[in-house]
């Protein structure tokens, strides 16, 4: 009887120790787990590039369409002088860059929704890994993809006549703004993916956010818009970011209000998206 009790106690202790070790290791290597999940998402993006390419195609087509089809008319309307396509290229490219960020991060919502519906997240929940690394891997991977897409679109802009007049410090500030704004959009899209029933639902839910660049100063100045619409366009997240980026790249005035709103919106979207995503991911799985 004593031997049996001792054996049972020993087994229980061993099991508890193993469980405790597993629970301890869940948070023992968060940095390593983040890198593992980042590698997983980058490998997925490399093996299945069609989603990223399809999302990247829209801003590229719009850039070429507005420059070569509407460029002359739009430049004359904005400047009030003779048509000059080069002027409109300079005006348009910063807005297209922010549109590219919005379109590319849409893929994050779809990717997260796919993970949720395919059951891989449920398996990750049972593994001895940092829980936050699953979402963080999506976020970091998406930001890297977004910045890569921005470089490609900027290269196309330079090829068709975009000539920025930024100092090295202004280039660094522009890159920082794009990275911070992309981070905020990405966290928000992760939350969209977590609450969506499937990939199609994620794409549909995210559409209003993706449409915001079309309702901003990306294509025409807000001064040319009707009163109430112009007010909305001026203070929604994309217009301040576009105007700040435009000022940094072209060496024109930015304005304190635009700079503060751009950084404020970026930080606000990041915090809101992070808290929302964390709350949704920590809820008991429903699918």
C-alpha atoms as a PDB file:
ATOM      1  CA  UNK A   1       0.000   0.000   0.000  1.00  0.00           C
ATOM      2  CA  UNK A   2       2.850   2.316   0.922  1.00  0.00           C
ATOM      3  CA  UNK A   3       4.759   1.491  -2.263  1.00  0.00           C
ATOM      4  CA  UNK A   4       1.658   2.159  -4.362  1.00  0.00           C
ATOM      5  CA  UNK A   5       1.096   5.507  -2.652  1.00  0.00           C
ATOM      6  CA  UNK A   6       4.736   6.447  -3.146  1.00  0.00           C
ATOM      7  CA  UNK A   7       4.583   5.480  -6.823  1.00  0.00           C
ATOM      8  CA  UNK A   8       1.374   7.478  -7.336  1.00  0.00           C
ATOM      9  CA  UNK A   9       2.850  10.483  -5.575  1.00  0.00           C
ATOM     10  CA  UNK A  10       5.999  10.246  -7.673  1.00  0.00           C
ATOM     11  CA  UNK A  11       3.991  10.016 -10.896  1.00  0.00           C
ATOM     12  CA  UNK A  12       1.846  12.968  -9.883  1.00  0.00           C
ATOM     13  CA  UNK A  13       4.911  15.012  -9.031  1.00  0.00           C
ATOM     14  CA  UNK A  14       6.522  14.145 -12.356  1.00  0.00           C
ATOM     15  CA  UNK A  15       3.353  15.064 -14.274  1.00  0.00           C
ATOM     16  CA  UNK A  16       3.017  18.331 -12.356  1.00  0.00           C
ATOM     17  CA  UNK A  17       6.661  19.113 -12.998  1.00  0.00           C
ATOM     18  CA  UNK A  18       6.274  18.397 -16.705  1.00  0.00           C
ATOM     19  CA  UNK A  19       3.123  20.499 -16.912  1.00  0.00           C
ATOM     20  CA  UNK A  20       4.773  23.275 -14.977  1.00  0.00           C
ATOM     21  CA  UNK A  21       7.798  23.130 -17.267  1.00  0.00           C
ATOM     22  CA  UNK A  22       5.557  23.277 -20.318  1.00  0.00           C
ATOM     23  CA  UNK A  23       3.681  26.221 -18.870  1.00  0.00           C
ATOM     24  CA  UNK A  24       6.920  27.897 -17.941  1.00  0.00           C
ATOM     25  CA  UNK A  25       8.365  27.372 -21.406  1.00  0.00           C
ATOM     26  CA  UNK A  26       5.242  28.967 -22.847  1.00  0.00           C
ATOM     27  CA  UNK A  27       6.740  32.316 -21.859  1.00  0.00           C
ATOM     28  CA  UNK A  28      10.390  31.328 -21.577  1.00  0.00           C
ATOM     29  CA  UNK A  29      11.420  32.218 -25.145  1.00  0.00           C
ATOM     30  CA  UNK A  30       9.025  34.846 -26.526  1.00  0.00           C
ATOM     31  CA  UNK A  31      11.691  36.340 -28.783  1.00  0.00           C
ATOM     32  CA  UNK A  32      12.481  32.971 -30.321  1.00  0.00           C
ATOM     33  CA  UNK A  33       8.788  32.186 -30.725  1.00  0.00           C
ATOM     34  CA  UNK A  34       8.209  35.549 -32.420  1.00  0.00           C
ATOM     35  CA  UNK A  35      11.001  34.812 -34.892  1.00  0.00           C
ATOM     36  CA  UNK A  36       9.566  31.363 -35.572  1.00  0.00           C
ATOM     37  CA  UNK A  37       6.106  32.748 -36.310  1.00  0.00           C
ATOM     38  CA  UNK A  38       7.604  35.539 -38.403  1.00  0.00           C
ATOM     39  CA  UNK A  39       9.506  32.975 -40.460  1.00  0.00           C
ATOM     40  CA  UNK A  40       6.307  30.956 -40.900  1.00  0.00           C
ATOM     41  CA  UNK A  41       4.374  33.932 -42.243  1.00  0.00           C
ATOM     42  CA  UNK A  42       7.169  35.062 -44.556  1.00  0.00           C
ATOM     43  CA  UNK A  43       7.423  31.528 -45.958  1.00  0.00           C
ATOM     44  CA  UNK A  44       3.672  31.542 -46.599  1.00  0.00           C
ATOM     45  CA  UNK A  45       3.972  34.874 -48.395  1.00  0.00           C
ATOM     46  CA  UNK A  46       6.832  33.537 -50.529  1.00  0.00           C
ATOM     47  CA  UNK A  47       5.090  30.299 -51.416  1.00  0.00           C
ATOM     48  CA  UNK A  48       1.718  31.919 -52.131  1.00  0.00           C
ATOM     49  CA  UNK A  49       2.502  35.391 -53.528  1.00  0.00           C
ATOM     50  CA  UNK A  50      -0.722  35.704 -55.526  1.00  0.00           C
ATOM     51  CA  UNK A  51      -2.644  37.481 -52.720  1.00  0.00           C
ATOM     52  CA  UNK A  52       0.073  40.111 -52.208  1.00  0.00           C
ATOM     53  CA  UNK A  53       0.502  40.638 -55.949  1.00  0.00           C
ATOM     54  CA  UNK A  54      -3.243  41.012 -56.498  1.00  0.00           C
ATOM     55  CA  UNK A  55      -3.482  43.588 -53.720  1.00  0.00           C
ATOM     56  CA  UNK A  56      -0.412  45.412 -55.045  1.00  0.00           C
ATOM     57  CA  UNK A  57      -1.847  45.529 -58.547  1.00  0.00           C
ATOM     58  CA  UNK A  58      -4.662  47.943 -57.630  1.00  0.00           C
ATOM     59  CA  UNK A  59      -2.501  50.905 -56.487  1.00  0.00           C
ATOM     60  CA  UNK A  60      -0.092  50.386 -59.397  1.00  0.00           C
ATOM     61  CA  UNK A  61      -2.946  50.422 -61.931  1.00  0.00           C
ATOM     62  CA  UNK A  62      -4.454  53.508 -60.287  1.00  0.00           C
ATOM     63  CA  UNK A  63      -1.086  55.257 -60.362  1.00  0.00           C
ATOM     64  CA  UNK A  64      -0.642  54.611 -64.078  1.00  0.00           C
ATOM     65  CA  UNK A  65      -4.291  55.382 -64.846  1.00  0.00           C
ATOM     66  CA  UNK A  66      -4.388  58.735 -63.070  1.00  0.00           C
ATOM     67  CA  UNK A  67      -0.999  59.812 -64.421  1.00  0.00           C
ATOM     68  CA  UNK A  68      -1.388  58.871 -68.064  1.00  0.00           C
ATOM     69  CA  UNK A  69      -5.170  59.183 -68.539  1.00  0.00           C
ATOM     70  CA  UNK A  70      -6.232  61.922 -66.114  1.00  0.00           C
ATOM     71  CA  UNK A  71      -2.866  63.510 -65.316  1.00  0.00           C
ATOM     72  CA  UNK A  72      -3.133  66.487 -67.645  1.00  0.00           C
ATOM     73  CA  UNK A  73      -6.683  67.425 -66.691  1.00  0.00           C
ATOM     74  CA  UNK A  74      -6.096  66.853 -62.978  1.00  0.00           C
ATOM     75  CA  UNK A  75      -2.907  68.951 -62.914  1.00  0.00           C
ATOM     76  CA  UNK A  76      -4.659  71.845 -64.658  1.00  0.00           C
ATOM     77  CA  UNK A  77      -7.527  71.645 -62.188  1.00  0.00           C
ATOM     78  CA  UNK A  78      -5.244  71.558 -59.125  1.00  0.00           C
ATOM     79  CA  UNK A  79      -2.759  74.261 -60.164  1.00  0.00           C
ATOM     80  CA  UNK A  80      -5.178  76.426 -62.134  1.00  0.00           C
ATOM     81  CA  UNK A  81      -2.587  76.748 -64.881  1.00  0.00           C
ATOM     82  CA  UNK A  82      -1.577  74.822 -67.990  1.00  0.00           C
ATOM     83  CA  UNK A  83      -1.673  71.039 -67.880  1.00  0.00           C
ATOM     84  CA  UNK A  84       1.537  69.541 -66.550  1.00  0.00           C
ATOM     85  CA  UNK A  85       1.527  65.808 -65.910  1.00  0.00           C
ATOM     86  CA  UNK A  86       4.773  66.030 -63.903  1.00  0.00           C
ATOM     87  CA  UNK A  87       3.084  68.245 -61.312  1.00  0.00           C
ATOM     88  CA  UNK A  88       0.317  65.723 -60.838  1.00  0.00           C
ATOM     89  CA  UNK A  89       2.793  62.854 -60.516  1.00  0.00           C
ATOM     90  CA  UNK A  90       4.415  64.710 -57.624  1.00  0.00           C
ATOM     91  CA  UNK A  91       1.022  65.279 -56.029  1.00  0.00           C
ATOM     92  CA  UNK A  92      -0.264  61.737 -56.597  1.00  0.00           C
ATOM     93  CA  UNK A  93       2.576  59.430 -55.532  1.00  0.00           C
ATOM     94  CA  UNK A  94       2.427  60.131 -51.744  1.00  0.00           C
ATOM     95  CA  UNK A  95      -1.284  59.325 -51.764  1.00  0.00           C
ATOM     96  CA  UNK A  96      -0.725  56.139 -53.757  1.00  0.00           C
ATOM     97  CA  UNK A  97       1.907  55.063 -51.215  1.00  0.00           C
ATOM     98  CA  UNK A  98      -0.643  55.275 -48.391  1.00  0.00           C
ATOM     99  CA  UNK A  99      -3.206  53.493 -50.571  1.00  0.00           C
ATOM    100  CA  UNK A 100      -0.631  50.744 -51.123  1.00  0.00           C
ATOM    101  CA  UNK A 101      -0.224  50.358 -47.361  1.00  0.00           C
ATOM    102  CA  UNK A 102      -3.986  49.990 -46.938  1.00  0.00           C
ATOM    103  CA  UNK A 103      -4.338  47.483 -49.774  1.00  0.00           C
ATOM    104  CA  UNK A 104      -1.374  45.361 -48.662  1.00  0.00           C
ATOM    105  CA  UNK A 105      -2.481  45.106 -45.041  1.00  0.00           C
ATOM    106  CA  UNK A 106      -5.840  43.799 -46.263  1.00  0.00           C
ATOM    107  CA  UNK A 107      -3.982  40.548 -46.924  1.00  0.00           C
ATOM    108  CA  UNK A 108      -3.243  40.344 -43.192  1.00  0.00           C
ATOM    109  CA  UNK A 109      -6.941  40.142 -42.333  1.00  0.00           C
ATOM    110  CA  UNK A 110      -7.426  37.394 -44.912  1.00  0.00           C
ATOM    111  CA  UNK A 111      -4.379  35.471 -43.689  1.00  0.00           C
ATOM    112  CA  UNK A 112      -5.423  35.636 -40.029  1.00  0.00           C
ATOM    113  CA  UNK A 113      -8.977  34.572 -40.899  1.00  0.00           C
ATOM    114  CA  UNK A 114      -7.594  31.606 -42.821  1.00  0.00           C
ATOM    115  CA  UNK A 115      -5.520  30.543 -39.818  1.00  0.00           C
ATOM    116  CA  UNK A 116      -8.544  30.795 -37.544  1.00  0.00           C
ATOM    117  CA  UNK A 117     -10.800  28.715 -39.772  1.00  0.00           C
ATOM    118  CA  UNK A 118      -8.234  26.062 -40.690  1.00  0.00           C
ATOM    119  CA  UNK A 119      -7.594  25.064 -37.078  1.00  0.00           C
ATOM    120  CA  UNK A 120      -3.895  25.900 -36.889  1.00  0.00           C
ATOM    121  CA  UNK A 121      -4.528  28.517 -34.183  1.00  0.00           C
ATOM    122  CA  UNK A 122      -6.232  25.890 -32.028  1.00  0.00           C
ATOM    123  CA  UNK A 123      -3.109  23.749 -32.332  1.00  0.00           C
ATOM    124  CA  UNK A 124      -0.862  26.690 -31.442  1.00  0.00           C
ATOM    125  CA  UNK A 125      -2.937  27.281 -28.296  1.00  0.00           C
ATOM    126  CA  UNK A 126      -2.015  23.791 -27.035  1.00  0.00           C
ATOM    127  CA  UNK A 127       1.708  24.174 -27.717  1.00  0.00           C
ATOM    128  CA  UNK A 128       4.325  25.435 -25.274  1.00  0.00           C
ATOM    129  CA  UNK A 129       4.895  28.721 -27.091  1.00  0.00           C
ATOM    130  CA  UNK A 130       4.267  32.340 -26.316  1.00  0.00           C
ATOM    131  CA  UNK A 131       0.616  33.039 -27.139  1.00  0.00           C
ATOM    132  CA  UNK A 132       1.328  36.553 -28.351  1.00  0.00           C
ATOM    133  CA  UNK A 133       3.933  35.301 -30.820  1.00  0.00           C
ATOM    134  CA  UNK A 134       1.201  33.877 -33.075  1.00  0.00           C
ATOM    135  CA  UNK A 135      -0.296  37.320 -33.652  1.00  0.00           C
ATOM    136  CA  UNK A 136       3.015  39.182 -33.483  1.00  0.00           C
ATOM    137  CA  UNK A 137       4.412  37.002 -36.269  1.00  0.00           C
ATOM    138  CA  UNK A 138       1.528  38.062 -38.499  1.00  0.00           C
ATOM    139  CA  UNK A 139       2.061  41.730 -37.647  1.00  0.00           C
ATOM    140  CA  UNK A 140       5.823  41.867 -38.211  1.00  0.00           C
ATOM    141  CA  UNK A 141       5.572  39.794 -41.384  1.00  0.00           C
ATOM    142  CA  UNK A 142       2.818  42.032 -42.732  1.00  0.00           C
ATOM    143  CA  UNK A 143       4.760  45.230 -41.995  1.00  0.00           C
ATOM    144  CA  UNK A 144       7.800  43.822 -43.818  1.00  0.00           C
ATOM    145  CA  UNK A 145       5.642  42.912 -46.825  1.00  0.00           C
ATOM    146  CA  UNK A 146       3.979  46.334 -46.765  1.00  0.00           C
ATOM    147  CA  UNK A 147       7.295  48.191 -46.692  1.00  0.00           C
ATOM    148  CA  UNK A 148       8.568  46.024 -49.552  1.00  0.00           C
ATOM    149  CA  UNK A 149       5.440  46.853 -51.561  1.00  0.00           C
ATOM    150  CA  UNK A 150       5.930  50.556 -50.802  1.00  0.00           C
ATOM    151  CA  UNK A 151       9.489  50.405 -52.136  1.00  0.00           C
ATOM    152  CA  UNK A 152       8.242  48.764 -55.349  1.00  0.00           C
ATOM    153  CA  UNK A 153       5.495  51.367 -55.863  1.00  0.00           C
ATOM    154  CA  UNK A 154       7.932  54.189 -55.114  1.00  0.00           C
ATOM    155  CA  UNK A 155      10.280  52.716 -57.710  1.00  0.00           C
ATOM    156  CA  UNK A 156       7.481  52.775 -60.293  1.00  0.00           C
ATOM    157  CA  UNK A 157       6.724  56.360 -59.325  1.00  0.00           C
ATOM    158  CA  UNK A 158      10.344  57.338 -59.841  1.00  0.00           C
ATOM    159  CA  UNK A 159      10.328  55.578 -63.215  1.00  0.00           C
ATOM    160  CA  UNK A 160       7.357  57.609 -64.478  1.00  0.00           C
ATOM    161  CA  UNK A 161       8.660  60.975 -63.337  1.00  0.00           C
ATOM    162  CA  UNK A 162       8.277  61.380 -59.571  1.00  0.00           C
ATOM    163  CA  UNK A 163      11.147  63.570 -58.368  1.00  0.00           C
ATOM    164  CA  UNK A 164      11.206  63.987 -54.577  1.00  0.00           C
ATOM    165  CA  UNK A 165      13.145  66.855 -53.051  1.00  0.00           C
ATOM    166  CA  UNK A 166      13.748  65.426 -49.585  1.00  0.00           C
ATOM    167  CA  UNK A 167      16.833  65.626 -47.422  1.00  0.00           C
ATOM    168  CA  UNK A 168      18.201  62.448 -45.781  1.00  0.00           C
ATOM    169  CA  UNK A 169      16.505  63.429 -42.523  1.00  0.00           C
ATOM    170  CA  UNK A 170      13.187  63.929 -44.335  1.00  0.00           C
ATOM    171  CA  UNK A 171      13.569  60.547 -46.046  1.00  0.00           C
ATOM    172  CA  UNK A 172      14.087  58.912 -42.645  1.00  0.00           C
ATOM    173  CA  UNK A 173      11.053  60.741 -41.242  1.00  0.00           C
ATOM    174  CA  UNK A 174       8.954  59.670 -44.256  1.00  0.00           C
ATOM    175  CA  UNK A 175      10.039  56.041 -43.854  1.00  0.00           C
ATOM    176  CA  UNK A 176       9.240  56.184 -40.138  1.00  0.00           C
ATOM    177  CA  UNK A 177       5.789  57.611 -40.818  1.00  0.00           C
ATOM    178  CA  UNK A 178       5.035  54.909 -43.390  1.00  0.00           C
ATOM    179  CA  UNK A 179       6.238  52.172 -41.032  1.00  0.00           C
ATOM    180  CA  UNK A 180       4.238  53.522 -38.081  1.00  0.00           C
ATOM    181  CA  UNK A 181       1.077  54.010 -40.130  1.00  0.00           C
ATOM    182  CA  UNK A 182       1.442  50.530 -41.638  1.00  0.00           C
ATOM    183  CA  UNK A 183       1.860  49.081 -38.142  1.00  0.00           C
ATOM    184  CA  UNK A 184      -1.392  50.680 -37.008  1.00  0.00           C
ATOM    185  CA  UNK A 185      -3.284  49.416 -40.063  1.00  0.00           C
ATOM    186  CA  UNK A 186      -1.808  45.933 -39.604  1.00  0.00           C
ATOM    187  CA  UNK A 187      -2.899  45.591 -35.980  1.00  0.00           C
ATOM    188  CA  UNK A 188      -6.375  46.738 -36.976  1.00  0.00           C
ATOM    189  CA  UNK A 189      -6.486  44.170 -39.787  1.00  0.00           C
ATOM    190  CA  UNK A 190      -5.403  41.420 -37.389  1.00  0.00           C
ATOM    191  CA  UNK A 191      -8.442  42.242 -35.270  1.00  0.00           C
ATOM    192  CA  UNK A 192     -10.635  42.117 -38.374  1.00  0.00           C
ATOM    193  CA  UNK A 193      -9.245  38.693 -39.248  1.00  0.00           C
ATOM    194  CA  UNK A 194      -9.850  37.376 -35.733  1.00  0.00           C
ATOM    195  CA  UNK A 195     -13.534  38.364 -35.693  1.00  0.00           C
ATOM    196  CA  UNK A 196     -14.293  37.296 -39.267  1.00  0.00           C
ATOM    197  CA  UNK A 197     -16.044  33.976 -39.939  1.00  0.00           C
ATOM    198  CA  UNK A 198     -13.875  33.252 -42.991  1.00  0.00           C
ATOM    199  CA  UNK A 199     -11.454  34.834 -45.458  1.00  0.00           C
ATOM    200  CA  UNK A 200     -14.247  36.305 -47.590  1.00  0.00           C
ATOM    201  CA  UNK A 201     -15.806  37.868 -44.514  1.00  0.00           C
ATOM    202  CA  UNK A 202     -12.462  39.396 -43.520  1.00  0.00           C
ATOM    203  CA  UNK A 203     -12.091  40.960 -46.948  1.00  0.00           C
ATOM    204  CA  UNK A 204     -15.615  42.399 -46.819  1.00  0.00           C
ATOM    205  CA  UNK A 205     -15.305  43.763 -43.279  1.00  0.00           C
ATOM    206  CA  UNK A 206     -12.005  45.461 -44.129  1.00  0.00           C
ATOM    207  CA  UNK A 207     -13.323  47.163 -47.268  1.00  0.00           C
ATOM    208  CA  UNK A 208     -14.511  50.403 -45.560  1.00  0.00           C
ATOM    209  CA  UNK A 209     -10.996  50.982 -44.223  1.00  0.00           C
ATOM    210  CA  UNK A 210      -9.462  50.290 -47.628  1.00  0.00           C
ATOM    211  CA  UNK A 211     -11.870  52.789 -49.210  1.00  0.00           C
ATOM    212  CA  UNK A 212     -10.753  55.660 -46.952  1.00  0.00           C
ATOM    213  CA  UNK A 213      -7.776  56.653 -49.166  1.00  0.00           C
ATOM    214  CA  UNK A 214     -10.241  57.312 -52.009  1.00  0.00           C
ATOM    215  CA  UNK A 215     -12.083  59.729 -49.688  1.00  0.00           C
ATOM    216  CA  UNK A 216      -8.933  61.630 -48.759  1.00  0.00           C
ATOM    217  CA  UNK A 217      -6.547  64.132 -50.311  1.00  0.00           C
ATOM    218  CA  UNK A 218      -4.788  61.365 -52.228  1.00  0.00           C
ATOM    219  CA  UNK A 219      -6.197  62.351 -55.634  1.00  0.00           C
ATOM    220  CA  UNK A 220      -7.507  65.907 -55.188  1.00  0.00           C
ATOM    221  CA  UNK A 221      -7.075  68.573 -52.473  1.00  0.00           C
ATOM    222  CA  UNK A 222      -9.684  68.639 -49.732  1.00  0.00           C
ATOM    223  CA  UNK A 223     -10.338  72.307 -50.605  1.00  0.00           C
ATOM    224  CA  UNK A 224     -11.960  71.134 -53.841  1.00  0.00           C
ATOM    225  CA  UNK A 225     -14.509  69.005 -51.962  1.00  0.00           C
ATOM    226  CA  UNK A 226     -17.962  70.047 -50.650  1.00  0.00           C
ATOM    227  CA  UNK A 227     -18.075  71.457 -47.115  1.00  0.00           C
ATOM    228  CA  UNK A 228     -19.109  68.462 -44.984  1.00  0.00           C
ATOM    229  CA  UNK A 229     -17.261  65.993 -47.178  1.00  0.00           C
ATOM    230  CA  UNK A 230     -14.135  68.139 -47.153  1.00  0.00           C
ATOM    231  CA  UNK A 231     -14.225  68.242 -43.335  1.00  0.00           C
ATOM    232  CA  UNK A 232     -14.412  64.450 -43.160  1.00  0.00           C
ATOM    233  CA  UNK A 233     -11.646  64.044 -45.752  1.00  0.00           C
ATOM    234  CA  UNK A 234      -9.381  66.459 -43.923  1.00  0.00           C
ATOM    235  CA  UNK A 235      -9.540  64.812 -40.509  1.00  0.00           C
ATOM    236  CA  UNK A 236      -9.861  61.106 -41.321  1.00  0.00           C
ATOM    237  CA  UNK A 237      -6.664  59.056 -40.781  1.00  0.00           C
ATOM    238  CA  UNK A 238      -5.293  59.070 -44.336  1.00  0.00           C
ATOM    239  CA  UNK A 239      -5.369  62.754 -45.295  1.00  0.00           C
ATOM    240  CA  UNK A 240      -3.062  64.009 -42.496  1.00  0.00           C
ATOM    241  CA  UNK A 241      -0.653  61.148 -43.202  1.00  0.00           C
ATOM    242  CA  UNK A 242      -0.708  61.875 -46.946  1.00  0.00           C
ATOM    243  CA  UNK A 243      -0.167  65.614 -46.453  1.00  0.00           C
ATOM    244  CA  UNK A 244       2.692  64.980 -44.017  1.00  0.00           C
ATOM    245  CA  UNK A 245       4.318  62.487 -46.371  1.00  0.00           C
ATOM    246  CA  UNK A 246       3.802  64.851 -49.304  1.00  0.00           C
ATOM    247  CA  UNK A 247       5.476  67.667 -47.419  1.00  0.00           C
ATOM    248  CA  UNK A 248       8.423  65.485 -46.386  1.00  0.00           C
ATOM    249  CA  UNK A 249       9.087  64.089 -49.858  1.00  0.00           C
ATOM    250  CA  UNK A 250       8.515  67.283 -51.828  1.00  0.00           C
ATOM    251  CA  UNK A 251      10.067  69.721 -49.374  1.00  0.00           C
ATOM    252  CA  UNK A 252       6.852  71.727 -49.033  1.00  0.00           C
ATOM    253  CA  UNK A 253       5.189  72.859 -45.845  1.00  0.00           C
ATOM    254  CA  UNK A 254       3.642  70.176 -43.647  1.00  0.00           C
ATOM    255  CA  UNK A 255       1.781  72.125 -41.010  1.00  0.00           C
ATOM    256  CA  UNK A 256       1.765  71.283 -37.318  1.00  0.00           C
ATOM    257  CA  UNK A 257      -1.826  70.063 -37.420  1.00  0.00           C
ATOM    258  CA  UNK A 258      -1.168  67.516 -40.171  1.00  0.00           C
ATOM    259  CA  UNK A 259       1.982  66.190 -38.497  1.00  0.00           C
ATOM    260  CA  UNK A 260       0.292  65.842 -35.101  1.00  0.00           C
ATOM    261  CA  UNK A 261      -2.797  64.206 -36.599  1.00  0.00           C
ATOM    262  CA  UNK A 262      -0.691  61.817 -38.694  1.00  0.00           C
ATOM    263  CA  UNK A 263       1.337  60.607 -35.711  1.00  0.00           C
ATOM    264  CA  UNK A 264      -1.723  60.623 -33.449  1.00  0.00           C
ATOM    265  CA  UNK A 265      -3.800  58.527 -35.848  1.00  0.00           C
ATOM    266  CA  UNK A 266      -0.885  56.107 -36.344  1.00  0.00           C
ATOM    267  CA  UNK A 267      -0.368  55.614 -32.612  1.00  0.00           C
ATOM    268  CA  UNK A 268      -4.105  55.477 -31.959  1.00  0.00           C
ATOM    269  CA  UNK A 269      -4.692  52.795 -34.605  1.00  0.00           C
ATOM    270  CA  UNK A 270      -1.742  50.808 -33.261  1.00  0.00           C
ATOM    271  CA  UNK A 271      -2.964  50.858 -29.648  1.00  0.00           C
ATOM    272  CA  UNK A 272      -6.598  50.248 -30.591  1.00  0.00           C
ATOM    273  CA  UNK A 273      -5.727  47.424 -32.964  1.00  0.00           C
ATOM    274  CA  UNK A 274      -3.347  45.807 -30.469  1.00  0.00           C
ATOM    275  CA  UNK A 275      -5.831  45.851 -27.589  1.00  0.00           C
ATOM    276  CA  UNK A 276      -8.667  44.643 -29.814  1.00  0.00           C
ATOM    277  CA  UNK A 277      -6.572  41.852 -31.338  1.00  0.00           C
ATOM    278  CA  UNK A 278      -5.259  40.749 -27.954  1.00  0.00           C
ATOM    279  CA  UNK A 279      -8.760  40.624 -26.480  1.00  0.00           C
ATOM    280  CA  UNK A 280     -10.122  38.649 -29.428  1.00  0.00           C
ATOM    281  CA  UNK A 281      -7.221  36.200 -29.499  1.00  0.00           C
ATOM    282  CA  UNK A 282      -7.467  35.487 -25.766  1.00  0.00           C
ATOM    283  CA  UNK A 283     -11.170  34.668 -25.987  1.00  0.00           C
ATOM    284  CA  UNK A 284     -12.237  31.050 -26.028  1.00  0.00           C
ATOM    285  CA  UNK A 285     -12.243  29.781 -29.630  1.00  0.00           C
ATOM    286  CA  UNK A 286     -15.690  29.599 -31.231  1.00  0.00           C
ATOM    287  CA  UNK A 287     -14.760  27.839 -34.484  1.00  0.00           C
END
